[in-house]
Amino acid sequence: MKDQLKEADLEPDISPFMYYIDCFFELSTCRSSMSISPIPFTSIAEFATIYNVDDFEEFLYLMRRLDSVFIEHHDKEEKKNATKPNPS
């Protein structure tokens, strides 16, 4: 019994959100520069039109939320790496 995982220790089931995650990764290719910048609104709107997204407001909110978390994580990693001593 001691070796059994608790429910809270299991990875969450993200399968219901895979559609949005896949859309986000596709939209991530539309960033305007080589650095990490927000995905342009026009790219999200065009994607939603091409793929007939039912609820654009919800889709936009989710893409913006995913994008902000992604950028925040990237910025933290960049700062962490900038403070590491240079091995050479």
N, C-alpha and C. Protein backbone atom coordinates (compact mmCIF):
# COMPACT_ATOMS: atom_id res chain seq x y z
N MET A 1 0.80 -1.20 0.00
CA MET A 1 0.00 0.00 0.00
C MET A 1 0.85 1.28 0.00
N LYS A 2 2.00 1.21 0.63
CA LYS A 2 2.86 2.37 0.74
C LYS A 2 3.34 2.87 -0.62
N ASP A 3 3.50 1.96 -1.58
CA ASP A 3 4.01 2.32 -2.90
C ASP A 3 2.95 2.81 -3.87
N GLN A 4 1.70 2.79 -3.47
CA GLN A 4 0.64 3.20 -4.38
C GLN A 4 0.58 4.72 -4.49
N LEU A 5 0.31 5.18 -5.69
CA LEU A 5 0.18 6.62 -5.92
C LEU A 5 -1.17 7.12 -5.41
N LYS A 6 -1.15 8.29 -4.85
CA LYS A 6 -2.39 8.95 -4.45
C LYS A 6 -2.98 9.63 -5.67
N GLU A 7 -4.27 9.85 -5.65
CA GLU A 7 -4.95 10.51 -6.77
C GLU A 7 -4.30 11.87 -7.08
N ALA A 8 -3.90 12.60 -6.05
CA ALA A 8 -3.30 13.92 -6.24
C ALA A 8 -1.92 13.85 -6.88
N ASP A 9 -1.27 12.69 -6.83
CA ASP A 9 0.06 12.52 -7.40
C ASP A 9 0.04 12.15 -8.88
N LEU A 10 -1.10 11.80 -9.39
CA LEU A 10 -1.21 11.40 -10.79
C LEU A 10 -1.20 12.62 -11.69
N GLU A 11 -0.70 12.46 -12.89
CA GLU A 11 -0.73 13.57 -13.85
C GLU A 11 -2.17 13.83 -14.25
N PRO A 12 -2.53 15.09 -14.43
CA PRO A 12 -3.92 15.38 -14.81
C PRO A 12 -4.22 14.89 -16.22
N ASP A 13 -5.47 14.57 -16.45
CA ASP A 13 -5.91 14.15 -17.78
C ASP A 13 -6.17 15.40 -18.62
N ILE A 14 -5.29 15.66 -19.59
CA ILE A 14 -5.45 16.85 -20.42
C ILE A 14 -6.10 16.54 -21.76
N SER A 15 -6.51 15.30 -21.96
CA SER A 15 -7.06 14.92 -23.27
C SER A 15 -8.23 15.79 -23.72
N PRO A 16 -9.11 16.27 -22.81
CA PRO A 16 -10.18 17.15 -23.30
C PRO A 16 -9.67 18.47 -23.87
N PHE A 17 -8.44 18.84 -23.53
CA PHE A 17 -7.89 20.12 -23.96
C PHE A 17 -6.89 19.99 -25.11
N MET A 18 -6.67 18.78 -25.59
CA MET A 18 -5.67 18.57 -26.64
C MET A 18 -5.98 19.36 -27.91
N TYR A 19 -7.24 19.54 -28.24
CA TYR A 19 -7.61 20.34 -29.42
C TYR A 19 -7.00 21.74 -29.29
N TYR A 20 -7.20 22.37 -28.13
CA TYR A 20 -6.71 23.73 -27.92
C TYR A 20 -5.19 23.77 -27.86
N ILE A 21 -4.58 22.78 -27.27
CA ILE A 21 -3.12 22.72 -27.21
C ILE A 21 -2.54 22.56 -28.61
N ASP A 22 -3.15 21.71 -29.42
CA ASP A 22 -2.70 21.55 -30.81
C ASP A 22 -2.86 22.86 -31.59
N CYS A 23 -3.99 23.53 -31.40
CA CYS A 23 -4.20 24.83 -32.06
C CYS A 23 -3.14 25.84 -31.62
N PHE A 24 -2.85 25.86 -30.32
CA PHE A 24 -1.84 26.79 -29.81
C PHE A 24 -0.49 26.53 -30.44
N PHE A 25 -0.08 25.27 -30.51
CA PHE A 25 1.22 24.97 -31.11
C PHE A 25 1.25 25.36 -32.59
N GLU A 26 0.17 25.17 -33.29
CA GLU A 26 0.12 25.59 -34.69
C GLU A 26 0.21 27.11 -34.79
N LEU A 27 -0.53 27.81 -33.94
CA LEU A 27 -0.51 29.28 -33.96
C LEU A 27 0.84 29.84 -33.51
N SER A 28 1.58 29.08 -32.73
CA SER A 28 2.89 29.54 -32.27
C SER A 28 3.86 29.77 -33.43
N THR A 29 3.57 29.16 -34.56
CA THR A 29 4.43 29.36 -35.74
C THR A 29 4.21 30.74 -36.37
N CYS A 30 3.20 31.46 -35.90
CA CYS A 30 2.86 32.77 -36.48
C CYS A 30 3.49 33.94 -35.73
N ARG A 31 4.35 33.66 -34.78
CA ARG A 31 4.97 34.76 -34.03
C ARG A 31 5.73 35.66 -34.99
N SER A 32 5.77 36.96 -34.68
CA SER A 32 6.28 37.94 -35.64
C SER A 32 7.80 38.03 -35.71
N SER A 33 8.51 37.38 -34.80
CA SER A 33 9.97 37.47 -34.86
C SER A 33 10.59 36.19 -34.31
N MET A 34 11.89 36.13 -34.36
CA MET A 34 12.59 34.96 -33.85
C MET A 34 12.53 34.90 -32.33
N SER A 35 12.37 36.04 -31.68
CA SER A 35 12.23 36.04 -30.23
C SER A 35 10.78 35.69 -29.87
N ILE A 36 10.55 35.43 -28.61
CA ILE A 36 9.21 35.08 -28.18
C ILE A 36 8.38 36.35 -28.05
N SER A 37 7.42 36.48 -28.91
CA SER A 37 6.49 37.60 -28.87
C SER A 37 5.07 37.01 -28.91
N PRO A 38 4.08 37.79 -28.50
CA PRO A 38 2.71 37.26 -28.51
C PRO A 38 2.26 36.88 -29.93
N ILE A 39 1.40 35.89 -29.99
CA ILE A 39 0.80 35.51 -31.27
C ILE A 39 -0.12 36.65 -31.70
N PRO A 40 -0.01 37.13 -32.91
CA PRO A 40 -0.85 38.25 -33.35
C PRO A 40 -2.34 37.89 -33.36
N PHE A 41 -3.16 38.86 -32.99
CA PHE A 41 -4.61 38.68 -33.01
C PHE A 41 -5.08 38.25 -34.39
N THR A 42 -4.51 38.87 -35.42
CA THR A 42 -4.94 38.56 -36.79
C THR A 42 -4.70 37.09 -37.13
N SER A 43 -3.63 36.52 -36.61
CA SER A 43 -3.36 35.10 -36.86
C SER A 43 -4.39 34.21 -36.18
N ILE A 44 -4.76 34.58 -34.96
CA ILE A 44 -5.78 33.80 -34.24
C ILE A 44 -7.12 33.92 -34.95
N ALA A 45 -7.47 35.13 -35.38
CA ALA A 45 -8.75 35.34 -36.06
C ALA A 45 -8.80 34.60 -37.39
N GLU A 46 -7.71 34.65 -38.14
CA GLU A 46 -7.67 33.95 -39.41
C GLU A 46 -7.75 32.43 -39.22
N PHE A 47 -7.03 31.91 -38.23
CA PHE A 47 -7.08 30.49 -37.91
C PHE A 47 -8.51 30.08 -37.57
N ALA A 48 -9.16 30.88 -36.72
CA ALA A 48 -10.54 30.58 -36.31
C ALA A 48 -11.49 30.59 -37.50
N THR A 49 -11.26 31.47 -38.45
CA THR A 49 -12.10 31.53 -39.64
C THR A 49 -11.86 30.31 -40.53
N ILE A 50 -10.62 30.00 -40.78
CA ILE A 50 -10.28 28.86 -41.64
C ILE A 50 -10.82 27.56 -41.08
N TYR A 51 -10.69 27.38 -39.77
CA TYR A 51 -11.10 26.12 -39.14
C TYR A 51 -12.50 26.17 -38.52
N ASN A 52 -13.28 27.19 -38.86
CA ASN A 52 -14.67 27.31 -38.41
C ASN A 52 -14.84 27.11 -36.91
N VAL A 53 -14.06 27.85 -36.13
CA VAL A 53 -14.17 27.78 -34.67
C VAL A 53 -15.53 28.32 -34.27
N ASP A 54 -16.25 27.55 -33.47
CA ASP A 54 -17.62 27.92 -33.09
C ASP A 54 -17.68 29.16 -32.20
N ASP A 55 -16.94 29.17 -31.12
CA ASP A 55 -17.00 30.27 -30.16
C ASP A 55 -15.67 31.02 -30.19
N PHE A 56 -15.61 32.06 -31.01
CA PHE A 56 -14.36 32.79 -31.19
C PHE A 56 -13.88 33.44 -29.90
N GLU A 57 -14.78 34.01 -29.12
CA GLU A 57 -14.39 34.69 -27.87
C GLU A 57 -13.71 33.72 -26.91
N GLU A 58 -14.26 32.53 -26.77
CA GLU A 58 -13.66 31.52 -25.91
C GLU A 58 -12.31 31.06 -26.47
N PHE A 59 -12.27 30.84 -27.76
CA PHE A 59 -11.04 30.41 -28.42
C PHE A 59 -9.95 31.47 -28.25
N LEU A 60 -10.28 32.72 -28.47
CA LEU A 60 -9.32 33.81 -28.31
C LEU A 60 -8.82 33.87 -26.87
N TYR A 61 -9.73 33.76 -25.92
CA TYR A 61 -9.34 33.79 -24.51
C TYR A 61 -8.35 32.67 -24.20
N LEU A 62 -8.67 31.46 -24.64
CA LEU A 62 -7.80 30.31 -24.35
C LEU A 62 -6.44 30.44 -25.04
N MET A 63 -6.41 30.91 -26.27
CA MET A 63 -5.13 31.07 -26.96
C MET A 63 -4.29 32.15 -26.28
N ARG A 64 -4.93 33.24 -25.87
CA ARG A 64 -4.20 34.32 -25.18
C ARG A 64 -3.68 33.83 -23.83
N ARG A 65 -4.48 33.04 -23.13
CA ARG A 65 -4.07 32.51 -21.82
C ARG A 65 -2.88 31.56 -21.98
N LEU A 66 -2.99 30.62 -22.94
CA LEU A 66 -1.88 29.70 -23.19
C LEU A 66 -0.62 30.48 -23.59
N ASP A 67 -0.80 31.49 -24.42
CA ASP A 67 0.32 32.28 -24.90
C ASP A 67 1.00 33.03 -23.75
N SER A 68 0.22 33.61 -22.87
CA SER A 68 0.81 34.37 -21.76
C SER A 68 1.57 33.44 -20.81
N VAL A 69 1.04 32.25 -20.55
CA VAL A 69 1.74 31.30 -19.70
C VAL A 69 3.04 30.83 -20.37
N PHE A 70 2.96 30.58 -21.67
CA PHE A 70 4.14 30.16 -22.43
C PHE A 70 5.23 31.23 -22.39
N ILE A 71 4.86 32.48 -22.63
CA ILE A 71 5.83 33.58 -22.63
C ILE A 71 6.41 33.78 -21.23
N GLU A 72 5.56 33.70 -20.22
CA GLU A 72 6.03 33.85 -18.84
C GLU A 72 7.05 32.76 -18.50
N HIS A 73 6.76 31.53 -18.87
CA HIS A 73 7.67 30.42 -18.62
C HIS A 73 8.99 30.63 -19.38
N HIS A 74 8.90 31.04 -20.62
CA HIS A 74 10.09 31.29 -21.43
C HIS A 74 10.95 32.38 -20.80
N ASP A 75 10.33 33.46 -20.36
CA ASP A 75 11.07 34.56 -19.75
C ASP A 75 11.78 34.12 -18.46
N LYS A 76 11.10 33.31 -17.65
CA LYS A 76 11.72 32.80 -16.42
C LYS A 76 12.93 31.93 -16.74
N GLU A 77 12.80 31.07 -17.74
CA GLU A 77 13.91 30.21 -18.13
C GLU A 77 15.08 31.04 -18.66
N GLU A 78 14.78 32.07 -19.43
CA GLU A 78 15.83 32.94 -19.97
C GLU A 78 16.58 33.65 -18.85
N LYS A 79 15.84 34.15 -17.86
CA LYS A 79 16.47 34.82 -16.72
C LYS A 79 17.32 33.85 -15.92
N LYS A 80 16.80 32.64 -15.72
CA LYS A 80 17.53 31.63 -14.96
C LYS A 80 18.83 31.27 -15.68
N ASN A 81 18.77 31.12 -16.98
CA ASN A 81 19.96 30.78 -17.76
C ASN A 81 20.95 31.94 -17.83
N ALA A 82 20.46 33.16 -17.77
CA ALA A 82 21.33 34.33 -17.83
C ALA A 82 22.14 34.47 -16.54
N THR A 83 21.63 33.95 -15.44
CA THR A 83 22.34 34.07 -14.17
C THR A 83 23.32 32.94 -13.92
N LYS A 84 23.29 31.91 -14.77
CA LYS A 84 24.23 30.80 -14.62
C LYS A 84 25.62 31.27 -15.06
N PRO A 85 26.65 30.82 -14.35
CA PRO A 85 28.01 31.20 -14.76
C PRO A 85 28.37 30.57 -16.10
N ASN A 86 29.16 31.29 -16.87
CA ASN A 86 29.61 30.80 -18.17
C ASN A 86 30.68 29.74 -17.96
N PRO A 87 30.50 28.51 -18.49
CA PRO A 87 31.46 27.43 -18.25
C PRO A 87 32.82 27.62 -18.94
N SER A 88 32.93 28.56 -19.88
CA SER A 88 34.22 28.69 -20.58
C SER A 88 35.18 29.61 -19.88
